Amino acid sequence: MALHLRGTVLPDGTVRDIWTLGDRITFERPSGPADTVADGGFLLPGLVDVHTHPGSPSEDEPAFDAEVFESQVTAHRDAGTTALRFPGLLGEIPAGLREAPGLPRMVSAGKWLAWAGLSKSAPFHTVTDDLPVAAVAEAGSRDGWCKLLGDWDFEADPVPYEVLRAVTDAVHAAGGRVAVHCQSAQGVLNAARAGADSIEHGMGMPLECVDLMAGHGTAYVPTLTAFARSAPHRSRDTSRGRLWHAGHATMIRRVREAHDAGVTVLAGTDSAPFGNVATEVEHLIAAGLPAETAVGAASWTARAFLGLTALAESALADITVYDADPRREPAVLRHPRRIVLRGRVVR
């Protein structure tokens, strides 16, 4: 049976009736019966977390567990998050889960790829001498994305610009997209100059990166939630600790500056707890992003970035319903009244 929802459709703010026909929506009343599952409130294109790494039993345990993966993506779903991008997974998406009717849509960038010349690399990264070849293969075998380290230790030398440029040129020529992890100023600069499709974290981002990102169409995914969790545990009594805090403060400033320059800023949480993209929206607002832009960073803007659809005729049937307008009361994102995913009510 078709589902029927009525409410204020965001982001345009128009009160409309929406019906689902399978996994698509329509604004035209179908001929058959429909079950009204929401009458009133605010209808949002299902939330998106564009940077999450489910599947590990703990942050200190670099292993992949299929049951943990399912549990963690379910936690995302229960929070109203209907689409996820994985910029690095420790294993393969378990068989049957990618298209499971009750789980979020999934966009994978495959493994973390690390250039062999990095001075330090975590043991779960795939280290290679020929990064362009590996990146093209990874993007081609996934969802068009690859994920690579632009650096690892923020005090060490990053991947050289020439290597990152060779990767982006090769992947773009093959029709793919490149996400780059950066936690050093030079690493961010190299990724921005190379034309990466998304810069993840961006700690210590030099100001010149803002115009470079705007020019290349590079998205910024600052993952402020993860850094806010780490900040209280980072010492300010050592040179390394002071450098970390300075880089953290810089990345927060760059959020608004990037937005003002026309860069697309997106919401990604990076770490536990899963299903916490509402917190990332709040951090983006605290960093100076307009509330509507911050909500879009976890909804309609993020969906467009991933090639998904918002609430339009024949769009995918992913809808979250809230009692209040999240553009004015962002905290309401923590309390979806109704969640429709793939045309089914999951809450």
Foldseek 3Di string as FASTA:
>chain_A
DKAWAWEQEPDVRDTAIWIDDQFWIARDDDPDDYHYPYYYFYKFFFFEAAEAEWAAPDPVGLDGDQVRRVVQQLLQVVLRHQEYEYQAYLDDNDPPPCVPQSGHHYFYQYHEEEEQPAPDDDPSHHYDPQQQVVNLVSCVVTVQEHEYEQHDQQVGDGDALVSLLSNQVSSVVSVGAYEYEDAYQVSLVSNLQSLHQEYEQCFQHDPVSLLSCQVSLHAYENLLQVVVVCLVVQDPPDPSSVSRVNRSVVSLLVLVVSVVSPHQYAFHNNYDPRNPSLVSLVSSVVSPDQSSSSRCSGGQVVCVSSVAHIPDGGGGPWIFGFRHDCSVVSVRSSPTPWTAHSSRTPD
